Protein backbone atom coordinates (compact mmCIF):
# COMPACT_ATOMS: atom_id res chain seq x y z
CA MET A 1 271.40 180.87 24.20
CA GLY A 2 273.33 177.83 25.44
CA GLU A 3 272.96 174.24 24.37
CA PHE A 4 271.44 173.09 27.66
CA VAL A 5 270.34 176.32 29.36
CA ARG A 6 268.27 179.13 27.93
CA LEU A 7 266.50 182.24 29.12
CA GLU A 8 262.93 182.47 27.87
CA VAL A 9 261.23 185.83 28.42
CA GLU A 10 257.50 186.37 28.27
CA ALA A 11 255.46 189.28 29.65
CA GLY A 12 258.26 190.46 31.92
CA VAL A 13 259.06 187.06 33.46
CA GLY A 14 262.23 185.23 32.55
CA THR A 15 262.32 181.45 32.77
CA LEU A 16 265.84 180.11 33.17
CA ARG A 17 265.24 176.70 31.60
CA LEU A 18 267.49 173.72 32.34
CA ASP A 19 267.26 171.23 29.47
CA ARG A 20 269.80 168.42 29.41
CA PRO A 21 267.85 165.15 29.14
CA LYS A 22 267.22 162.91 30.88
CA MET A 23 268.02 164.20 34.36
CA ASN A 24 269.52 167.67 33.80
CA ALA A 25 272.88 166.49 35.17
CA LEU A 26 274.89 169.63 35.82
CA ASP A 27 278.18 169.15 33.98
CA ALA A 28 280.77 171.90 33.55
CA GLN A 29 279.23 173.15 30.31
CA MET A 30 275.81 173.41 31.89
CA GLN A 31 277.26 175.23 34.91
CA ARG A 32 278.88 177.80 32.60
CA GLU A 33 275.63 178.23 30.69
CA ILE A 34 273.73 178.81 33.93
CA ILE A 35 276.18 181.61 34.75
CA GLU A 36 275.63 183.20 31.33
CA ALA A 37 271.85 182.95 31.57
CA ALA A 38 271.81 184.33 35.12
CA VAL A 39 273.95 187.31 34.13
CA GLU A 40 271.67 187.97 31.15
CA ALA A 41 268.55 187.78 33.32
CA ASP A 42 270.07 190.22 35.78
CA ARG A 43 270.99 192.84 33.15
CA ARG A 44 267.86 192.72 30.97
CA ASP A 45 265.38 195.52 31.58
CA ASP A 46 262.52 193.42 30.20
CA VAL A 47 262.96 190.80 32.94
CA ALA A 48 261.31 191.72 36.25
CA ALA A 49 261.61 188.32 37.95
CA VAL A 50 263.06 184.91 37.17
CA VAL A 51 261.71 181.36 37.31
CA LEU A 52 264.23 178.50 37.54
CA TYR A 53 262.72 175.46 35.86
CA GLY A 54 263.97 172.05 34.77
CA GLY A 55 260.87 170.86 32.95
CA GLU A 56 257.83 168.77 33.79
CA ARG A 57 259.71 165.64 34.90
CA VAL A 58 262.82 166.75 36.80
CA PHE A 59 264.41 169.90 38.18
CA ALA A 60 268.03 168.69 38.25
CA ALA A 61 269.40 165.44 39.63
CA GLY A 62 272.79 166.83 40.59
CA ALA A 63 276.28 167.33 39.22
CA ASP A 64 277.57 164.99 36.52
CA VAL A 65 279.26 162.23 38.54
CA LYS A 66 280.73 160.60 35.44
CA GLU A 67 282.52 163.86 34.66
CA MET A 68 283.92 164.15 38.19
CA GLN A 69 284.81 160.49 38.65
CA THR A 70 288.27 160.69 37.07
CA MET A 71 289.18 164.21 38.24
CA THR A 72 292.36 164.55 40.25
CA TYR A 73 292.69 166.75 43.31
CA GLN A 74 294.55 169.33 41.23
CA GLU A 75 291.78 169.38 38.63
CA MET A 76 289.08 169.76 41.27
CA VAL A 77 290.92 172.66 42.89
CA LEU A 78 290.21 174.56 39.66
CA HIS A 79 286.77 173.06 38.96
CA GLY A 80 285.62 173.69 42.53
CA HIS A 81 285.46 177.42 41.83
CA LEU A 82 283.07 176.82 38.93
CA LEU A 83 280.92 174.61 41.17
CA GLN A 84 280.29 177.57 43.44
CA ASP A 85 280.30 180.24 40.74
CA PHE A 86 277.19 178.94 38.99
CA THR A 87 275.05 178.96 42.14
CA ARG A 88 276.56 182.31 43.16
CA ALA A 89 275.44 183.66 39.79
CA VAL A 90 271.87 182.52 40.44
CA ALA A 91 271.91 184.02 43.93
CA ALA A 92 273.32 187.28 42.53
CA ILE A 93 270.37 187.91 40.21
CA GLY A 94 269.17 191.22 41.63
CA LYS A 95 265.51 190.43 41.01
CA PRO A 96 262.98 188.12 42.69
CA THR A 97 263.73 184.50 41.79
CA VAL A 98 261.67 181.34 42.30
CA ALA A 99 262.63 177.71 41.76
CA ALA A 100 259.83 175.64 40.20
CA ILE A 101 260.72 172.14 41.39
CA THR A 102 259.39 169.01 39.72
CA GLY A 103 260.72 165.49 40.20
CA PHE A 104 264.20 165.36 41.70
CA ALA A 105 266.21 168.31 43.00
CA LEU A 106 269.27 166.53 44.33
CA GLY A 107 272.86 167.52 45.03
CA GLY A 108 273.74 170.37 42.69
CA GLY A 109 270.09 170.57 41.65
CA CYS A 110 269.05 171.20 45.23
CA GLU A 111 271.83 173.76 45.51
CA VAL A 112 270.46 175.65 42.49
CA ALA A 113 267.05 175.72 44.19
CA LEU A 114 268.64 176.92 47.42
CA ALA A 115 270.12 179.89 45.53
CA ALA A 116 266.61 181.13 44.61
CA ASP A 117 264.59 183.46 46.82
CA VAL A 118 261.53 181.19 46.94
CA ARG A 119 260.90 177.51 46.16
CA ILE A 120 257.62 176.07 44.86
CA ALA A 121 257.61 172.28 44.68
CA ALA A 122 255.42 169.65 43.11
CA ASP A 123 253.64 167.37 45.56
CA SER A 124 255.68 164.52 44.06
CA ALA A 125 259.07 166.27 44.30
CA LYS A 126 262.08 164.80 46.09
CA LEU A 127 264.91 166.97 47.43
CA GLY A 128 268.21 166.15 49.06
CA GLN A 129 271.97 166.44 49.33
CA PRO A 130 273.13 162.84 48.78
CA GLU A 131 276.83 163.64 48.19
CA ILE A 132 277.92 161.78 51.34
CA GLY A 133 277.18 158.51 49.51
CA LEU A 134 279.90 159.45 47.01
CA GLY A 135 282.43 160.08 49.75
CA ILE A 136 282.18 163.86 49.37
CA ILE A 137 280.11 166.77 50.66
CA PRO A 138 277.97 169.38 48.86
CA GLY A 139 280.28 171.71 46.98
CA ALA A 140 277.99 174.22 45.25
CA GLY A 141 276.78 175.98 48.38
CA GLY A 142 274.73 173.26 50.05
CA THR A 143 276.49 173.23 53.42
CA GLN A 144 276.03 176.98 53.74
CA ARG A 145 272.70 177.85 52.15
CA LEU A 146 270.88 174.79 53.48
CA ALA A 147 272.01 175.50 57.06
CA ARG A 148 270.90 179.12 56.77
CA LEU A 149 267.52 178.07 55.39
CA VAL A 150 266.50 175.16 57.63
CA GLY A 151 268.93 175.54 60.54
CA PRO A 152 272.18 173.69 61.28
CA ALA A 153 270.66 170.61 62.94
CA ARG A 154 268.30 169.82 60.07
CA ALA A 155 271.01 170.60 57.52
CA LYS A 156 273.38 168.20 59.26
CA ASP A 157 270.72 165.50 59.31
CA LEU A 158 270.13 165.83 55.57
CA ILE A 159 273.81 166.10 54.64
CA PHE A 160 275.12 163.45 57.06
CA THR A 161 272.52 160.88 55.98
CA GLY A 162 272.18 161.90 52.34
CA ARG A 163 268.50 161.01 52.55
CA PHE A 164 265.82 162.40 50.26
CA VAL A 165 262.89 164.37 51.64
CA ASP A 166 259.47 164.44 50.03
CA ALA A 167 257.54 167.63 49.35
CA ALA A 168 255.53 167.43 52.58
CA GLU A 169 258.63 167.20 54.77
CA ALA A 170 260.41 169.84 52.71
CA LEU A 171 257.51 172.21 53.38
CA GLU A 172 257.43 171.34 57.08
CA ILE A 173 261.14 172.12 57.61
CA GLY A 174 261.16 175.23 55.41
CA LEU A 175 263.17 173.77 52.56
CA VAL A 176 260.36 174.75 50.18
CA ASP A 177 257.79 177.50 50.61
CA ARG A 178 254.78 176.06 48.80
CA VAL A 179 253.62 172.69 47.45
CA VAL A 180 251.23 172.39 44.50
CA PRO A 181 250.13 169.59 42.14
CA ALA A 182 252.91 168.65 39.72
CA ALA A 183 251.01 169.98 36.71
CA ASP A 184 250.71 173.42 38.33
CA VAL A 185 254.32 174.03 39.38
CA HIS A 186 255.49 176.22 36.51
CA THR A 187 252.21 178.13 36.37
CA ALA A 188 252.35 178.84 40.10
CA ALA A 189 255.94 180.03 39.84
CA VAL A 190 255.15 182.32 36.90
CA GLU A 191 252.16 183.73 38.78
CA TRP A 192 254.40 184.51 41.76
CA ALA A 193 256.98 186.17 39.50
CA THR A 194 254.39 188.16 37.53
CA GLN A 195 253.42 190.26 40.54
CA PHE A 196 256.76 192.07 40.22
CA VAL A 197 256.29 193.09 36.57
CA GLY A 198 255.94 196.86 36.50
CA GLY A 199 257.16 197.10 40.07
CA PRO A 200 259.90 199.34 41.49
CA ALA A 201 262.89 197.38 40.18
CA LEU A 202 265.54 199.36 42.07
CA ALA A 203 263.67 199.04 45.38
CA LEU A 204 263.28 195.29 44.85
CA ARG A 205 267.00 195.01 44.10
CA ALA A 206 267.80 197.04 47.21
CA ALA A 207 265.52 194.92 49.40
CA LYS A 208 267.12 191.70 48.16
CA SER A 209 270.60 193.08 48.67
CA ALA A 210 269.85 194.30 52.19
CA ILE A 211 268.39 190.96 53.26
CA ASP A 212 271.05 188.76 51.66
CA ARG A 213 274.01 190.88 52.73
CA GLY A 214 272.54 191.45 56.17
CA LEU A 215 272.37 187.71 56.83
CA GLU A 216 276.14 187.54 56.43
CA VAL A 217 276.99 190.09 59.14
CA ASP A 218 276.07 191.08 62.70
CA LEU A 219 272.88 193.03 63.42
CA GLN A 220 274.46 196.48 63.66
CA SER A 221 276.31 196.01 60.36
CA GLY A 222 273.09 194.74 58.80
CA LEU A 223 271.24 197.83 59.96
CA GLU A 224 273.90 199.99 58.34
CA ILE A 225 273.47 198.07 55.07
CA GLU A 226 269.72 198.69 55.31
CA ARG A 227 270.24 202.41 55.98
CA LEU A 228 272.46 202.84 52.94
CA GLU A 229 270.10 200.92 50.65
CA PHE A 230 267.11 202.85 52.01
CA THR A 231 268.60 206.32 51.62
CA GLY A 232 269.98 205.49 48.18
CA LEU A 233 266.45 204.95 46.88
CA PHE A 234 265.72 208.65 47.44
CA ALA A 235 267.80 209.29 44.33
CA THR A 236 265.41 207.27 42.14
CA ASP A 237 262.48 208.32 39.98
CA ASP A 238 260.47 205.39 41.34
CA ARG A 239 260.68 206.74 44.89
CA THR A 240 259.38 210.12 43.69
CA ALA A 241 256.58 208.49 41.70
CA GLY A 242 255.63 206.15 44.53
CA MET A 243 255.41 208.81 47.23
CA THR A 244 253.72 211.37 44.99
CA SER A 245 251.12 208.83 43.92
CA PHE A 246 250.51 207.79 47.53
CA VAL A 247 249.94 211.35 48.68
CA GLU A 248 247.77 212.36 45.72
CA ASP A 249 245.89 209.17 44.85
CA GLY A 250 246.30 206.75 47.75
CA PRO A 251 248.29 203.49 48.00
CA GLY A 252 248.83 200.98 45.22
CA ARG A 253 248.38 203.27 42.21
CA ALA A 254 251.93 204.30 41.35
CA THR A 255 253.43 203.75 37.93
CA PHE A 256 257.10 202.77 38.12
CA THR A 257 259.73 203.04 35.40
CA GLY A 258 262.62 201.16 37.03
CA ARG A 259 264.72 204.31 37.24
């Protein structure tokens, strides 16, 4: 367990908790701890899905500007890899992930949310990529994941202007998938994650891999990725259990073991 990031597991759901008061500023230590927690969540058999959560008041207000202020170009060449590695680690969790967004999700905080599969936001949440006001651009995946999520024109608008969007606009443009009252954000995220507890873990991992990898290539290459993931599942116990249960008992009654 890190100083500022911890993985809390309850009833099959892992909550990757960001906890660096007051604003969860993502300094280098916190970025490394996010990597460690993400890797742990991915490998643990008792974690079926993961909630990313910054607490009741704020998700994460971005990278630690004070830490970066005095960095030279040479130092940032090295640090820039870490900036992308921590959001890559979140995206690489081979299980369903959901960002539970309260308060601000700005800059690096928004980029953490973008690395999740689904985003549930409080009705009072604010999201954005305000790096342009610092004379820089998003460096933890924002220019790439945001454009893929909301389209290049909307991504350029948000990144060029650095403006914040409220929860209603975020929902309208597809930046978040659901908006709930602030008090219900974590509960709603856990409820979404809980549906995967006891599910076919290898099939879920394969589905996520096929979708994510397929978005990076042309259609024909994506179809080949899908074919390989699909046929590979015929070597699993869960596929046998799922199809046998369907034939003998009808749909929705299979018991899966994750093997």
